[in-house]
Every structure is written in C-alpha cells, then in structure tokens.
Amino acid sequence: MTVVSPVRAGTETATAPPPGRRAARRAAGLAASLGVLLVVAAASVAIGAKPITLGEVWHGLAHYSGSDTDVVVRDVRVPRTVLGLLVGAALGLAGAVIQALTRNPLADPGLLGLNAGASAAVVSAISFLGVTSLTGYVWFAFLGTAVASVLVYALGGSRGATPVRLALAGTAVYAALYGYVNAVELLDTAALDKMRFWTVGSLASANMTVVKQVAPFLVVGAVLALALGRSLNAVALGDDTARALGTRLGRTRLLAMAAVTLLCGAATAACGPIAFVGLMVPHVVRALTGPDLRWTLPYAAVLSPVLLLAADVIGRVVSRPSELQAGVVTTLIGGPVFIYLVRRRRMAQL
C-alpha cells in the first residue's frame, strides 16, 4: 500500500494573500457553503415520488393538519433530511480525519475496517439473534465499529501506531471481517435477504427514533474531530516534526480513532455503509481551503451533507415512482472520481 504524504501545512507562495484576507475568504466560502446546504436540504424535503411545493412544505412544518401531504413532509421527508445532514457531516469529518491520521489522501473509513466491523455485527445479529428492525441494527452496527477500531488500533501498535501500521492493520481487519460476512450470508439465505437492504446504504428508512438514537454519538464525535484540527495539522507534517512542535502523538491518534469510531459507527448504523463521501469531499475541500485542518474539517462537515442529500434526491428522481438508494448514487459518482484522483497522484509523482 502506498502512503502519500500531503502537502505540508503552512506552505505559502510569494503571491499568497495576507493571512487576514485568506481567513476572510475562507469564512465567506464557508458561509456560501452553508447557503448551498440550506438549498439542498429544502430540495430534499420538496422533491420525491410526490412533488411538494415549498408552500406545502411550510404548511406541513408550521401548520400540521394531518393531511397526506403534511404526513409526507413531517413524518417522512424531514427525518430523512435531518438524518442525511447528520450522516453526511459525520462521513465528511471521518474521512478528513482518517486522511490526516494515515497521511494518505486516498483513505476513507473503509480503509480502517470500520464499515466491515459494522457489517459483521449486523449480519451476526440477523443470523444468530433474529434481529430484524432498523433500530436493532443501530446498536449492533455501532458495537461492531467500536470493536473493529479497537482491534485496528491494537494491531497497529497502540500508542506506537504509525500511519502505515494503521492502514495495514485496517486492511487485514477489513479482509477478515468481510470474509466472515460472506460466509454467514452464504450459509443463511434469510440473513442475505435482510442484509442486502442494509448494506446498499440508504436514507429511505429514516425516522426520528433512529435520528434521536444516533445524534448524541454524532455530535460528540463531531466536536472531538473539530477540536483535533490543530493537533492533526502537526501529525500531517510527520512524526518527528509533530513531536518537535509538542504534539502528543499517541494521545492524538487515540482521540482521532475515538472520533472516527463515533462518527462512522453511528452513521453506518443508521444508513448502512455509504461509500466515497468521506473520500471525495475532503479532496474538494482542500482545493478551497488548503491543507489546514482547522478549516478543512468545518468545510467537510458542511459540504458532505450537500453531496449525500443531492445523491438522495437524484436517486428519487431518476427512477420514479421507485427510487435508487443514495449509496448506489454516491458509488456511481465516486468510482470515476477515485480513478481520477489516483491517476492525478500518479502523474504528480512522475
């Protein structure tokens, strides 16, 4: 596995704008990104198999009367949109943290085996414990993600973990756990039938119960990730430089793994594994903000829900009256983007 070092934080060119102007531009860009997010969120509530006007959306939110349209707005699309906002932000933050932690710009939550841990726990719950509800999946998926993260961290060397060791440990855990998942599905066709609806990654089954269950974990994980911005900037410069700057590498990596576990565990539990959001968005963000994670992380938390909600809306529109799951749409978009990123990195090294 090739670990690619990012551009060193703080590198400036002779024509770079003054720090104050650069910060103002980044703040303005973040405000504009929030505006785009509001527009996409409104579209998520209004667009679907049954088109709803913004006036009807407002009536369903502010003057609920129990009509069919009001029920669709408040009980179906609002929970779906809220969950998309939370899960999108979680995936974007987790992707940015993992890329900084492993110093690999092509890393995503799957690299550390976290999605595999969630899938292994859910398939075990379905096959051996008879769990069939989404609310039941949530806790098993979160537990599986937590166990996988602890295992990866231990195999990677615990406090002596390095980016390469973490990536290799994650790959090994991913392969072992997905081998287990495939074996259980082959031996239990009922588990296979139920798992295929969860593993595709979708917001379609969202409800406020699931939102309330996962929201505390997502909020704590997001706060922890955002608080690590300065320390992760130092980690991205290399271990020796980070130590020289006074960064406690073991503590930073442990807290970063905890943040990623909370974010990925809750997001995967609620929607199933959704690929490429945590990979694509940080790349777009770094083109806007540079490598400074104090800005990259907030931007990723705003723009990742834009991508996820847009994918969800596209999936509803292209196959009316049925729908294409958001995880399928992000994969269709992310595959070509990933190939482009790999080719660009390879050309840059020539």
Protein backbone atom coordinates (compact mmCIF):
# COMPACT_ATOMS: atom_id res chain seq x y z
CA MET A 1 0.00 0.00 0.00
CA THR A 2 1.36 3.41 -0.96
CA VAL A 3 1.10 6.10 1.68
CA VAL A 4 1.20 9.52 0.13
CA SER A 5 2.29 12.47 2.21
CA PRO A 6 0.09 15.55 1.90
CA VAL A 7 1.35 18.98 1.03
CA ARG A 8 2.95 20.40 4.15
CA ALA A 9 0.66 22.68 6.09
CA GLY A 10 1.66 26.32 6.09
CA THR A 11 3.47 26.23 2.70
CA GLU A 12 2.92 29.59 1.04
CA THR A 13 3.85 31.05 -2.31
CA ALA A 14 5.18 34.50 -2.97
CA THR A 15 1.81 35.56 -4.36
CA ALA A 16 -0.30 34.20 -1.49
CA PRO A 17 -2.73 36.73 0.02
CA PRO A 18 -2.15 38.04 3.56
CA PRO A 19 -3.38 35.74 6.35
CA GLY A 20 -6.23 38.08 7.30
CA ARG A 21 -7.58 38.24 3.77
CA ARG A 22 -7.16 34.49 3.34
CA ALA A 23 -9.14 33.82 6.54
CA ALA A 24 -11.88 36.22 5.39
CA ARG A 25 -12.15 34.37 2.07
CA ARG A 26 -12.38 31.04 3.83
CA ALA A 27 -15.07 32.36 6.17
CA ALA A 28 -17.02 33.74 3.21
CA GLY A 29 -16.70 30.42 1.41
CA LEU A 30 -17.95 28.57 4.48
CA ALA A 31 -20.97 30.90 4.68
CA ALA A 32 -21.69 30.29 0.98
CA SER A 33 -21.41 26.54 1.55
CA LEU A 34 -24.00 26.80 4.33
CA GLY A 35 -26.29 28.58 1.89
CA VAL A 36 -25.90 25.75 -0.64
CA LEU A 37 -26.63 23.25 2.12
CA LEU A 38 -29.87 25.03 3.00
CA VAL A 39 -30.98 24.94 -0.65
CA VAL A 40 -30.20 21.23 -0.99
CA ALA A 41 -31.97 20.47 2.32
CA ALA A 42 -35.07 22.29 1.07
CA ALA A 43 -34.91 20.30 -2.15
CA SER A 44 -34.64 17.09 -0.13
CA VAL A 45 -37.92 17.89 1.61
CA ALA A 46 -39.73 19.09 -1.52
CA ILE A 47 -38.59 16.61 -4.19
CA GLY A 48 -39.55 12.96 -4.32
CA ALA A 49 -42.02 10.50 -5.80
CA LYS A 50 -44.68 13.06 -4.86
CA PRO A 51 -43.55 16.62 -5.71
CA ILE A 52 -44.37 19.11 -2.95
CA THR A 53 -44.23 22.88 -3.24
CA LEU A 54 -42.32 24.99 -0.74
CA GLY A 55 -45.65 26.41 0.45
CA GLU A 56 -46.88 22.91 1.23
CA VAL A 57 -43.59 22.17 2.96
CA TRP A 58 -44.04 25.22 5.18
CA HIS A 59 -47.66 24.25 5.93
CA GLY A 60 -46.59 20.76 6.94
CA LEU A 61 -43.93 22.18 9.27
CA ALA A 62 -45.77 25.10 10.80
CA HIS A 63 -49.47 24.24 10.44
CA TYR A 64 -49.65 20.45 10.60
CA SER A 65 -53.20 19.30 9.92
CA GLY A 66 -52.74 15.57 9.35
CA SER A 67 -53.31 15.69 5.61
CA ASP A 68 -51.43 13.27 3.35
CA THR A 69 -49.01 15.99 2.26
CA ASP A 70 -48.36 17.09 5.84
CA VAL A 71 -47.66 13.49 6.87
CA VAL A 72 -45.19 13.07 4.00
CA VAL A 73 -43.40 16.30 4.94
CA ARG A 74 -43.18 15.90 8.70
CA ASP A 75 -43.05 12.14 9.19
CA VAL A 76 -41.11 11.01 6.10
CA ARG A 77 -39.02 13.68 4.44
CA VAL A 78 -37.98 15.82 7.39
CA PRO A 79 -36.50 12.85 9.32
CA ARG A 80 -34.84 11.69 6.11
CA THR A 81 -33.31 15.10 5.51
CA VAL A 82 -32.18 15.52 9.13
CA LEU A 83 -30.53 12.09 9.08
CA GLY A 84 -28.86 12.95 5.77
CA LEU A 85 -27.46 16.15 7.29
CA LEU A 86 -26.07 14.31 10.33
CA VAL A 87 -24.70 11.30 8.45
CA GLY A 88 -23.20 13.40 5.66
CA ALA A 89 -21.37 15.62 8.15
CA ALA A 90 -20.14 12.55 10.04
CA LEU A 91 -18.78 10.85 6.92
CA GLY A 92 -17.03 14.00 5.73
CA LEU A 93 -15.40 14.64 9.09
CA ALA A 94 -14.38 10.99 9.47
CA GLY A 95 -12.83 10.95 6.00
CA ALA A 96 -10.82 14.11 6.62
CA VAL A 97 -9.58 12.83 9.99
CA ILE A 98 -8.59 9.43 8.57
CA GLN A 99 -6.71 11.02 5.68
CA ALA A 100 -4.77 13.20 8.13
CA LEU A 101 -4.23 10.35 10.58
CA THR A 102 -2.87 7.92 7.95
CA ARG A 103 -1.26 10.67 5.86
CA ASN A 104 -2.94 9.05 2.87
CA PRO A 105 -5.15 11.36 0.75
CA LEU A 106 -6.89 8.32 -0.78
CA ALA A 107 -8.03 6.92 2.58
CA ASP A 108 -11.63 6.66 3.72
CA PRO A 109 -13.43 4.96 6.66
CA GLY A 110 -13.33 1.61 4.85
CA LEU A 111 -9.52 1.65 4.95
CA LEU A 112 -9.55 1.09 8.72
CA GLY A 113 -12.08 -1.75 8.53
CA LEU A 114 -14.82 0.21 10.32
CA ASN A 115 -17.58 -0.50 7.79
CA ALA A 116 -16.59 -4.16 7.85
CA GLY A 117 -16.94 -4.20 11.64
CA ALA A 118 -20.44 -2.77 11.42
CA SER A 119 -21.44 -5.25 8.71
CA ALA A 120 -20.08 -8.21 10.69
CA ALA A 121 -22.02 -7.20 13.78
CA VAL A 122 -25.27 -6.66 11.88
CA VAL A 123 -25.09 -9.95 9.99
CA SER A 124 -24.39 -11.74 13.28
CA ALA A 125 -27.40 -10.08 14.91
CA ILE A 126 -29.64 -11.07 11.99
CA SER A 127 -28.43 -14.65 11.65
CA PHE A 128 -27.88 -15.67 15.28
CA LEU A 129 -30.13 -13.36 17.32
CA GLY A 130 -33.05 -12.84 14.93
CA VAL A 131 -32.82 -9.03 14.92
CA THR A 132 -34.94 -7.61 12.10
CA SER A 133 -35.58 -3.92 12.88
CA LEU A 134 -33.51 -0.91 11.88
CA THR A 135 -33.42 0.29 15.48
CA GLY A 136 -31.92 -3.09 16.40
CA TYR A 137 -29.27 -2.77 13.70
CA VAL A 138 -28.14 0.60 15.08
CA TRP A 139 -26.67 -0.72 18.31
CA PHE A 140 -25.05 -3.79 16.78
CA ALA A 141 -23.51 -1.75 13.98
CA PHE A 142 -22.13 0.75 16.45
CA LEU A 143 -20.72 -2.05 18.61
CA GLY A 144 -19.11 -3.68 15.57
CA THR A 145 -17.48 -0.43 14.53
CA ALA A 146 -16.12 0.13 18.04
CA VAL A 147 -14.67 -3.39 18.23
CA ALA A 148 -13.08 -3.05 14.77
CA SER A 149 -11.49 0.28 15.68
CA VAL A 150 -10.02 -1.12 18.91
CA LEU A 151 -8.69 -4.13 17.01
CA VAL A 152 -7.11 -1.98 14.31
CA TYR A 153 -5.56 0.34 16.89
CA ALA A 154 -4.14 -2.62 18.84
CA LEU A 155 -2.78 -4.37 15.74
CA GLY A 156 -1.35 -1.07 14.53
CA GLY A 157 0.81 -0.75 17.63
CA SER A 158 -1.45 1.14 20.07
CA ARG A 159 0.45 4.24 21.24
CA GLY A 160 3.30 3.37 18.91
CA ALA A 161 0.99 3.20 15.90
CA THR A 162 2.17 4.75 12.66
CA PRO A 163 0.10 5.67 9.57
CA VAL A 164 1.45 2.66 7.65
CA ARG A 165 0.73 0.25 10.51
CA LEU A 166 -2.82 1.56 10.93
CA ALA A 167 -3.51 1.25 7.20
CA LEU A 168 -2.12 -2.29 7.04
CA ALA A 169 -4.00 -3.34 10.18
CA GLY A 170 -7.20 -1.85 8.78
CA THR A 171 -6.80 -3.72 5.50
CA ALA A 172 -6.25 -7.01 7.34
CA VAL A 173 -9.29 -6.48 9.59
CA TYR A 174 -11.40 -5.47 6.58
CA ALA A 175 -10.50 -8.66 4.68
CA ALA A 176 -11.08 -10.95 7.67
CA LEU A 177 -14.43 -9.43 8.66
CA TYR A 178 -15.87 -9.33 5.16
CA GLY A 179 -14.79 -12.94 4.70
CA TYR A 180 -16.86 -13.73 7.80
CA VAL A 181 -19.82 -11.70 6.49
CA ASN A 182 -19.79 -13.52 3.15
CA ALA A 183 -19.59 -16.90 4.87
CA VAL A 184 -22.60 -16.18 7.10
CA GLU A 185 -24.63 -14.88 4.15
CA LEU A 186 -23.86 -17.98 2.09
CA LEU A 187 -24.93 -20.28 4.94
CA ASP A 188 -28.03 -18.26 5.90
CA THR A 189 -30.09 -17.06 2.95
CA ALA A 190 -32.52 -15.23 5.26
CA ALA A 191 -29.63 -13.14 6.58
CA LEU A 192 -28.56 -12.44 2.99
CA ASP A 193 -32.04 -11.23 2.06
CA LYS A 194 -32.15 -8.83 5.01
CA MET A 195 -28.54 -7.66 4.77
CA ARG A 196 -28.79 -6.63 1.13
CA PHE A 197 -31.24 -3.87 2.04
CA TRP A 198 -28.94 -2.53 4.75
CA THR A 199 -25.56 -2.84 3.03
CA VAL A 200 -26.61 -0.83 -0.01
CA GLY A 201 -26.62 2.39 2.07
CA SER A 202 -29.88 4.33 2.10
CA LEU A 203 -31.76 7.12 3.87
CA ALA A 204 -35.14 5.66 2.90
CA SER A 205 -35.89 4.06 6.28
CA ALA A 206 -35.11 7.18 8.29
CA ASN A 207 -37.34 8.12 11.21
CA MET A 208 -36.99 10.37 14.23
CA THR A 209 -36.38 7.40 16.53
CA VAL A 210 -33.21 6.50 14.65
CA VAL A 211 -32.20 10.17 14.47
CA LYS A 212 -32.51 10.52 18.25
CA GLN A 213 -30.55 7.33 18.84
CA VAL A 214 -27.53 8.26 16.72
CA ALA A 215 -27.48 12.05 17.15
CA PRO A 216 -25.64 12.09 20.53
CA PHE A 217 -22.82 9.93 19.16
CA LEU A 218 -22.55 12.04 16.01
CA VAL A 219 -22.46 15.31 17.96
CA VAL A 220 -19.77 14.08 20.37
CA GLY A 221 -17.70 12.67 17.51
CA ALA A 222 -18.01 15.90 15.52
CA VAL A 223 -16.96 18.07 18.46
CA LEU A 224 -13.97 15.82 19.15
CA ALA A 225 -12.89 15.80 15.49
CA LEU A 226 -13.14 19.58 15.17
CA ALA A 227 -11.15 20.03 18.39
CA LEU A 228 -8.30 17.94 16.95
CA GLY A 229 -7.71 20.20 13.95
CA ARG A 230 -4.53 21.85 15.23
CA SER A 231 -3.01 18.59 16.51
CA LEU A 232 -3.79 16.77 13.25
CA ASN A 233 -2.08 19.58 11.34
CA ALA A 234 1.09 18.69 13.22
CA VAL A 235 0.61 14.94 12.65
CA ALA A 236 0.29 15.58 8.90
CA LEU A 237 3.80 17.07 8.90
CA GLY A 238 5.38 13.81 10.08
CA ASP A 239 6.08 12.23 13.44
CA ASP A 240 9.40 13.97 14.09
CA THR A 241 8.04 17.41 13.27
CA ALA A 242 4.91 16.78 15.32
CA ARG A 243 6.98 15.82 18.35
CA ALA A 244 9.16 18.89 17.89
CA LEU A 245 6.00 21.02 17.93
CA GLY A 246 4.96 19.46 21.24
CA THR A 247 2.20 17.20 19.91
CA ARG A 248 1.48 14.05 21.91
CA LEU A 249 1.21 11.60 19.03
CA GLY A 250 -0.21 8.66 20.97
CA ARG A 251 -2.91 10.78 22.58
CA THR A 252 -3.80 12.50 19.30
CA ARG A 253 -4.11 9.21 17.42
CA LEU A 254 -6.18 7.63 20.16
CA LEU A 255 -8.59 10.58 20.25
CA ALA A 256 -8.75 10.65 16.45
CA MET A 257 -9.62 6.95 16.38
CA ALA A 258 -12.30 7.58 19.01
CA ALA A 259 -13.79 10.41 16.93
CA VAL A 260 -13.79 8.29 13.77
CA THR A 261 -15.38 5.38 15.63
CA LEU A 262 -18.21 7.55 16.94
CA LEU A 263 -18.80 9.20 13.56
CA CYS A 264 -18.56 6.10 11.37
CA GLY A 265 -20.27 3.82 13.84
CA ALA A 266 -23.35 5.97 14.23
CA ALA A 267 -23.53 6.89 10.52
CA THR A 268 -23.14 3.31 9.32
CA ALA A 269 -25.58 2.07 11.93
CA ALA A 270 -28.27 4.47 10.78
CA CYS A 271 -27.91 4.15 6.99
CA GLY A 272 -25.63 1.22 6.23
CA PRO A 273 -22.22 1.63 4.58
CA ILE A 274 -22.21 4.64 2.23
CA ALA A 275 -19.05 4.76 0.15
CA PHE A 276 -16.93 7.59 -1.25
CA VAL A 277 -18.45 10.55 0.63
CA GLY A 278 -15.55 10.57 3.10
CA LEU A 279 -13.10 10.19 0.23
CA MET A 280 -14.37 12.75 -2.29
CA VAL A 281 -15.38 15.72 -0.18
CA PRO A 282 -12.08 16.29 1.67
CA HIS A 283 -10.33 16.50 -1.72
CA VAL A 284 -12.74 19.16 -2.92
CA VAL A 285 -12.41 21.00 0.39
CA ARG A 286 -8.61 21.05 0.30
CA ALA A 287 -8.78 22.69 -3.12
CA LEU A 288 -10.75 25.50 -1.45
CA THR A 289 -9.03 25.81 1.92
CA GLY A 290 -5.58 24.30 1.53
CA PRO A 291 -4.31 21.63 3.92
CA ASP A 292 -5.15 23.45 7.18
CA LEU A 293 -7.47 21.08 9.03
CA ARG A 294 -8.84 23.89 11.17
CA TRP A 295 -10.69 24.92 8.01
CA THR A 296 -10.85 21.59 6.18
CA LEU A 297 -12.90 19.94 8.91
CA PRO A 298 -15.67 22.59 9.12
CA TYR A 299 -15.92 22.74 5.32
CA ALA A 300 -16.14 18.94 5.13
CA ALA A 301 -18.90 18.94 7.76
CA VAL A 302 -20.94 21.32 5.58
CA LEU A 303 -20.24 20.07 2.05
CA SER A 304 -20.52 16.33 2.73
CA PRO A 305 -24.25 16.58 3.57
CA VAL A 306 -24.64 18.53 0.32
CA LEU A 307 -23.27 15.55 -1.61
CA LEU A 308 -25.27 12.94 0.33
CA LEU A 309 -28.59 14.79 0.15
CA ALA A 310 -28.05 15.60 -3.53
CA ALA A 311 -27.37 11.91 -4.21
CA ASP A 312 -30.53 11.00 -2.31
CA VAL A 313 -32.61 13.48 -4.32
CA ILE A 314 -31.13 12.24 -7.60
CA GLY A 315 -31.97 8.68 -6.61
CA ARG A 316 -35.61 9.63 -6.03
CA VAL A 317 -35.93 11.44 -9.37
CA VAL A 318 -34.21 9.10 -11.84
CA SER A 319 -36.35 6.05 -11.11
CA ARG A 320 -39.78 7.39 -10.15
CA PRO A 321 -42.05 6.08 -8.73
CA SER A 322 -39.44 3.84 -7.05
CA GLU A 323 -36.01 5.12 -6.05
CA LEU A 324 -32.29 4.43 -6.32
CA GLN A 325 -30.56 4.30 -2.94
CA ALA A 326 -28.18 7.11 -2.03
CA GLY A 327 -25.31 4.66 -1.50
CA VAL A 328 -25.66 3.46 -5.10
CA VAL A 329 -25.60 7.03 -6.44
CA THR A 330 -22.52 8.02 -4.41
CA THR A 331 -20.75 4.88 -5.67
CA LEU A 332 -21.61 5.70 -9.28
CA ILE A 333 -20.21 9.20 -8.77
CA GLY A 334 -17.30 8.18 -6.57
CA GLY A 335 -15.87 5.42 -8.76
CA PRO A 336 -14.80 7.71 -11.63
CA VAL A 337 -13.69 10.38 -9.13
CA PHE A 338 -11.48 7.86 -7.32
CA ILE A 339 -9.88 6.76 -10.61
CA TYR A 340 -9.21 10.40 -11.48
CA LEU A 341 -7.60 11.07 -8.09
CA VAL A 342 -5.36 8.00 -8.36
CA ARG A 343 -4.26 8.94 -11.89
CA ARG A 344 -3.61 12.54 -10.85
CA ARG A 345 -1.47 11.41 -7.91
CA ARG A 346 0.45 9.04 -10.13
CA MET A 347 1.11 11.74 -12.75
CA ALA A 348 2.25 14.14 -10.00
CA GLN A 349 4.87 11.59 -8.89
CA LEU A 350 6.32 11.10 -12.37
